[in-house]
C-alpha atoms as a PDB file:
ATOM      1  CA  MET A   1     -20.497   9.882   8.426  1.00  0.00           C
ATOM      2  CA  SER A   2     -17.449  11.085   6.532  1.00  0.00           C
ATOM      3  CA  ILE A   3     -13.820  10.355   7.577  1.00  0.00           C
ATOM      4  CA  ALA A   4     -11.037  12.736   6.376  1.00  0.00           C
ATOM      5  CA  PRO A   5      -8.561  10.640   4.381  1.00  0.00           C
ATOM      6  CA  ILE A   6      -5.187   9.631   5.766  1.00  0.00           C
ATOM      7  CA  VAL A   7      -2.327  11.412   3.851  1.00  0.00           C
ATOM      8  CA  HIS A   8       1.267  10.919   4.317  1.00  0.00           C
ATOM      9  CA  THR A   9       4.221  12.174   2.157  1.00  0.00           C
ATOM     10  CA  ILE A  10       7.748  10.876   2.049  1.00  0.00           C
ATOM     11  CA  VAL A  11      10.771  11.563  -0.078  1.00  0.00           C
ATOM     12  CA  VAL A  12      13.045   8.709  -1.568  1.00  0.00           C
ATOM     13  CA  LYS A  13      16.358   9.282  -3.346  1.00  0.00           C
ATOM     14  CA  ALA A  14      15.301   7.226  -6.414  1.00  0.00           C
ATOM     15  CA  PRO A  15      13.849   8.872  -9.389  1.00  0.00           C
ATOM     16  CA  PRO A  16      10.140   8.414 -10.055  1.00  0.00           C
ATOM     17  CA  PRO A  17      10.217   5.459 -12.264  1.00  0.00           C
ATOM     18  CA  ARG A  18      12.621   3.531 -10.087  1.00  0.00           C
ATOM     19  CA  ALA A  19      10.680   4.509  -6.845  1.00  0.00           C
ATOM     20  CA  PHE A  20       7.407   3.459  -8.456  1.00  0.00           C
ATOM     21  CA  ASP A  21       8.948   0.039  -9.471  1.00  0.00           C
ATOM     22  CA  LEU A  22      10.445  -0.409  -5.938  1.00  0.00           C
ATOM     23  CA  PHE A  23       6.942   0.298  -4.452  1.00  0.00           C
ATOM     24  CA  VAL A  24       4.810  -2.008  -6.461  1.00  0.00           C
ATOM     25  CA  SER A  25       7.175  -4.802  -7.773  1.00  0.00           C
ATOM     26  CA  HIS A  26       9.347  -5.146  -4.517  1.00  0.00           C
ATOM     27  CA  MET A  27       6.628  -4.759  -1.795  1.00  0.00           C
ATOM     28  CA  ALA A  28       7.493  -8.123  -0.147  1.00  0.00           C
ATOM     29  CA  GLN A  29      11.045  -6.809   0.393  1.00  0.00           C
ATOM     30  CA  TRP A  30      10.196  -3.690   2.435  1.00  0.00           C
ATOM     31  CA  TRP A  31       6.727  -4.594   3.869  1.00  0.00           C
ATOM     32  CA  PRO A  32       7.546  -5.922   7.399  1.00  0.00           C
ATOM     33  CA  ARG A  33       7.369  -9.672   8.005  1.00  0.00           C
ATOM     34  CA  GLY A  34       4.420 -10.548  10.297  1.00  0.00           C
ATOM     35  CA  ARG A  35       2.524  -7.446   9.359  1.00  0.00           C
ATOM     36  CA  THR A  36       0.366  -8.988   6.664  1.00  0.00           C
ATOM     37  CA  ILE A  37      -2.942 -10.946   6.879  1.00  0.00           C
ATOM     38  CA  ALA A  38      -1.899 -14.509   6.028  1.00  0.00           C
ATOM     39  CA  LYS A  39      -1.323 -17.019   8.672  1.00  0.00           C
ATOM     40  CA  ALA A  40       2.314 -17.713   7.744  1.00  0.00           C
ATOM     41  CA  PRO A  41       4.983 -14.950   6.932  1.00  0.00           C
ATOM     42  CA  HIS A  42       4.812 -13.734   3.445  1.00  0.00           C
ATOM     43  CA  VAL A  43       7.321 -14.594   0.714  1.00  0.00           C
ATOM     44  CA  ALA A  44       5.625 -12.501  -1.966  1.00  0.00           C
ATOM     45  CA  ILE A  45       3.348  -9.487  -2.317  1.00  0.00           C
ATOM     46  CA  VAL A  46       2.041  -9.413  -5.764  1.00  0.00           C
ATOM     47  CA  VAL A  47       0.650  -6.261  -7.615  1.00  0.00           C
ATOM     48  CA  GLU A  48      -0.406  -7.334 -11.126  1.00  0.00           C
ATOM     49  CA  PRO A  49       0.708  -4.443 -13.138  1.00  0.00           C
ATOM     50  CA  ARG A  50      -2.614  -3.268 -14.852  1.00  0.00           C
ATOM     51  CA  ALA A  51      -5.991  -1.801 -13.946  1.00  0.00           C
ATOM     52  CA  GLY A  52      -8.205  -4.661 -12.807  1.00  0.00           C
ATOM     53  CA  GLY A  53      -5.144  -6.487 -11.515  1.00  0.00           C
ATOM     54  CA  GLN A  54      -4.985  -8.400  -8.333  1.00  0.00           C
ATOM     55  CA  TRP A  55      -3.043  -7.325  -5.209  1.00  0.00           C
ATOM     56  CA  PHE A  56      -2.352 -10.204  -2.878  1.00  0.00           C
ATOM     57  CA  GLU A  57       0.248 -11.961  -0.787  1.00  0.00           C
ATOM     58  CA  ARG A  58       1.586 -15.441  -0.960  1.00  0.00           C
ATOM     59  CA  ASP A  59       2.671 -17.019   2.401  1.00  0.00           C
ATOM     60  CA  ALA A  60       5.420 -19.408   3.279  1.00  0.00           C
ATOM     61  CA  ASN A  61       2.966 -22.326   2.904  1.00  0.00           C
ATOM     62  CA  GLY A  62       1.996 -21.208  -0.634  1.00  0.00           C
ATOM     63  CA  ASN A  63      -1.336 -19.822   0.245  1.00  0.00           C
ATOM     64  CA  GLU A  64      -2.509 -16.753  -1.474  1.00  0.00           C
ATOM     65  CA  VAL A  65      -4.407 -14.145   0.351  1.00  0.00           C
ATOM     66  CA  HIS A  66      -6.044 -11.211  -1.415  1.00  0.00           C
ATOM     67  CA  TRP A  67      -5.648  -7.520  -0.315  1.00  0.00           C
ATOM     68  CA  GLY A  68      -7.690  -5.871  -3.164  1.00  0.00           C
ATOM     69  CA  LYS A  69      -7.231  -4.853  -6.681  1.00  0.00           C
ATOM     70  CA  VAL A  70      -5.520  -2.351  -8.897  1.00  0.00           C
ATOM     71  CA  LEU A  71      -8.157   0.314  -9.828  1.00  0.00           C
ATOM     72  CA  GLU A  72      -5.778   2.443 -11.855  1.00  0.00           C
ATOM     73  CA  TRP A  73      -2.386   1.918 -13.302  1.00  0.00           C
ATOM     74  CA  ASP A  74      -0.376   4.923 -14.472  1.00  0.00           C
ATOM     75  CA  PRO A  75       3.382   4.206 -14.182  1.00  0.00           C
ATOM     76  CA  PRO A  76       5.618   5.882 -13.104  1.00  0.00           C
ATOM     77  CA  SER A  77       3.396   8.580 -11.534  1.00  0.00           C
ATOM     78  CA  ARG A  78       0.320   6.912  -9.977  1.00  0.00           C
ATOM     79  CA  VAL A  79      -1.278   3.835  -8.831  1.00  0.00           C
ATOM     80  CA  LEU A  80      -4.769   3.446  -7.250  1.00  0.00           C
ATOM     81  CA  PHE A  81      -5.624   0.416  -5.096  1.00  0.00           C
ATOM     82  CA  LEU A  82      -8.783  -1.004  -3.851  1.00  0.00           C
ATOM     83  CA  TRP A  83      -7.966  -1.996  -0.185  1.00  0.00           C
ATOM     84  CA  GLN A  84     -10.191  -4.802   0.873  1.00  0.00           C
ATOM     85  CA  ILE A  85      -8.736  -5.729   4.255  1.00  0.00           C
ATOM     86  CA  ASN A  86     -11.418  -5.593   7.085  1.00  0.00           C
ATOM     87  CA  THR A  87     -11.156  -4.776  10.684  1.00  0.00           C
ATOM     88  CA  ASP A  88     -10.426  -8.486  11.525  1.00  0.00           C
ATOM     89  CA  SER A  89      -7.525  -8.345   9.202  1.00  0.00           C
ATOM     90  CA  GLY A  90      -9.112 -10.487   6.666  1.00  0.00           C
ATOM     91  CA  TYR A  91     -10.072  -9.933   3.138  1.00  0.00           C
ATOM     92  CA  ASP A  92     -13.573  -8.729   2.480  1.00  0.00           C
ATOM     93  CA  ALA A  93     -14.699  -8.523  -1.126  1.00  0.00           C
ATOM     94  CA  LYS A  94     -17.426  -6.134  -0.259  1.00  0.00           C
ATOM     95  CA  LEU A  95     -15.199  -3.646   1.476  1.00  0.00           C
ATOM     96  CA  ARG A  96     -14.132  -0.801  -0.765  1.00  0.00           C
ATOM     97  CA  THR A  97     -11.614   1.659   0.584  1.00  0.00           C
ATOM     98  CA  GLU A  98      -8.895   3.152  -1.606  1.00  0.00           C
ATOM     99  CA  VAL A  99      -5.205   3.655  -1.305  1.00  0.00           C
ATOM    100  CA  GLU A 100      -3.596   6.159  -3.905  1.00  0.00           C
ATOM    101  CA  LEU A 101       0.088   6.643  -4.367  1.00  0.00           C
ATOM    102  CA  THR A 102       1.557   9.335  -6.525  1.00  0.00           C
ATOM    103  CA  PHE A 103       5.153   9.664  -7.412  1.00  0.00           C
ATOM    104  CA  VAL A 104       6.614  13.075  -8.510  1.00  0.00           C
ATOM    105  CA  PRO A 105       9.949  14.475  -8.961  1.00  0.00           C
ATOM    106  CA  ALA A 106      11.213  15.952  -5.647  1.00  0.00           C
ATOM    107  CA  ASP A 107      13.102  19.320  -5.526  1.00  0.00           C
ATOM    108  CA  GLY A 108      16.767  18.585  -5.626  1.00  0.00           C
ATOM    109  CA  GLY A 109      16.388  15.011  -7.009  1.00  0.00           C
ATOM    110  CA  GLY A 110      14.603  11.904  -5.912  1.00  0.00           C
ATOM    111  CA  THR A 111      10.823  11.392  -5.642  1.00  0.00           C
ATOM    112  CA  THR A 112       8.011  12.605  -3.318  1.00  0.00           C
ATOM    113  CA  VAL A 113       5.674   9.792  -2.697  1.00  0.00           C
ATOM    114  CA  ARG A 114       2.192  10.711  -1.501  1.00  0.00           C
ATOM    115  CA  LEU A 115      -0.097   8.064   0.083  1.00  0.00           C
ATOM    116  CA  GLU A 116      -3.766   8.883   0.385  1.00  0.00           C
ATOM    117  CA  HIS A 117      -6.108   6.130   2.158  1.00  0.00           C
ATOM    118  CA  ARG A 118      -9.707   7.215   1.730  1.00  0.00           C
ATOM    119  CA  LYS A 119     -13.266   6.174   1.794  1.00  0.00           C
ATOM    120  CA  LEU A 120     -12.604   4.954   5.321  1.00  0.00           C
ATOM    121  CA  GLU A 121     -16.348   5.319   6.479  1.00  0.00           C
ATOM    122  CA  ALA A 122     -16.694   2.040   4.556  1.00  0.00           C
ATOM    123  CA  TYR A 123     -15.597   0.381   7.936  1.00  0.00           C
ATOM    124  CA  GLY A 124     -18.852   1.370   9.514  1.00  0.00           C
ATOM    125  CA  ALA A 125     -19.130   1.451  13.298  1.00  0.00           C
ATOM    126  CA  ASP A 126     -15.408   0.509  13.484  1.00  0.00           C
ATOM    127  CA  ALA A 127     -14.349   3.285  11.227  1.00  0.00           C
ATOM    128  CA  ALA A 128     -12.930   5.638  13.777  1.00  0.00           C
ATOM    129  CA  ARG A 129     -11.026   2.906  15.624  1.00  0.00           C
ATOM    130  CA  HIS A 130      -9.619   1.441  12.459  1.00  0.00           C
ATOM    131  CA  THR A 131      -8.675   4.834  10.989  1.00  0.00           C
ATOM    132  CA  ASP A 132      -6.415   5.346  14.105  1.00  0.00           C
ATOM    133  CA  ARG A 133      -4.708   2.188  13.293  1.00  0.00           C
ATOM    134  CA  PHE A 134      -4.030   3.250   9.696  1.00  0.00           C
ATOM    135  CA  ARG A 135      -2.773   6.725  10.974  1.00  0.00           C
ATOM    136  CA  ASN A 136      -0.259   4.945  13.226  1.00  0.00           C
ATOM    137  CA  GLY A 137       0.592   2.070  10.653  1.00  0.00           C
ATOM    138  CA  TRP A 138       1.011   3.807   7.379  1.00  0.00           C
ATOM    139  CA  PRO A 139       3.997   5.874   8.615  1.00  0.00           C
ATOM    140  CA  VAL A 140       5.787   2.722   9.701  1.00  0.00           C
ATOM    141  CA  MET A 141       5.215   1.101   6.292  1.00  0.00           C
ATOM    142  CA  LEU A 142       6.362   4.167   4.447  1.00  0.00           C
ATOM    143  CA  SER A 143       9.418   4.504   6.650  1.00  0.00           C
ATOM    144  CA  ASN A 144      10.325   0.902   5.708  1.00  0.00           C
ATOM    145  CA  PHE A 145       9.816   1.846   2.050  1.00  0.00           C
ATOM    146  CA  VAL A 146      12.186   4.903   2.392  1.00  0.00           C
ATOM    147  CA  THR A 147      14.962   2.782   3.867  1.00  0.00           C
ATOM    148  CA  TYR A 148      14.458   0.094   1.244  1.00  0.00           C
ATOM    149  CA  ALA A 149      14.235   2.547  -1.875  1.00  0.00           C
ATOM    150  CA  ASP A 150      17.260   4.565  -0.643  1.00  0.00           C
ATOM    151  CA  GLU A 151      19.422   1.389  -0.430  1.00  0.00           C
ATOM    152  CA  GLN A 152      18.275   0.110  -3.787  1.00  0.00           C
ATOM    153  CA  ARG A 153      18.151   3.371  -5.853  1.00  0.00           C
END
């Protein structure tokens, strides 16, 4: 079974280098509290800035919960993540879906940010249901990012 990738595009007022930095280095500021997988609210979301780097959150109790890895690191134009959060909202080292973000100059200034979440068939029997959750969830996350990035540019 193959599932079409989820694709969303947004535009922020910041230029690509700033938009890229705000996305990967300030994720904890724009990602909604209570919408992560740790038991306590997050205080940090860390993206180690290199291919092979870890992607994880640190919660208010100091616990680190992994989300995945950085597969490709090409600032300020692209980052590719390995998303390893399962259907029970837990980390699964065997799960391999990908979230790719590209940052390109927008007409009239700013940056067009394109998110593609793919390889969703990795969720197996739960793939269709979980894909619907992502189709509804990513626009919320990206909307939060637009608000934050436009305030910080």
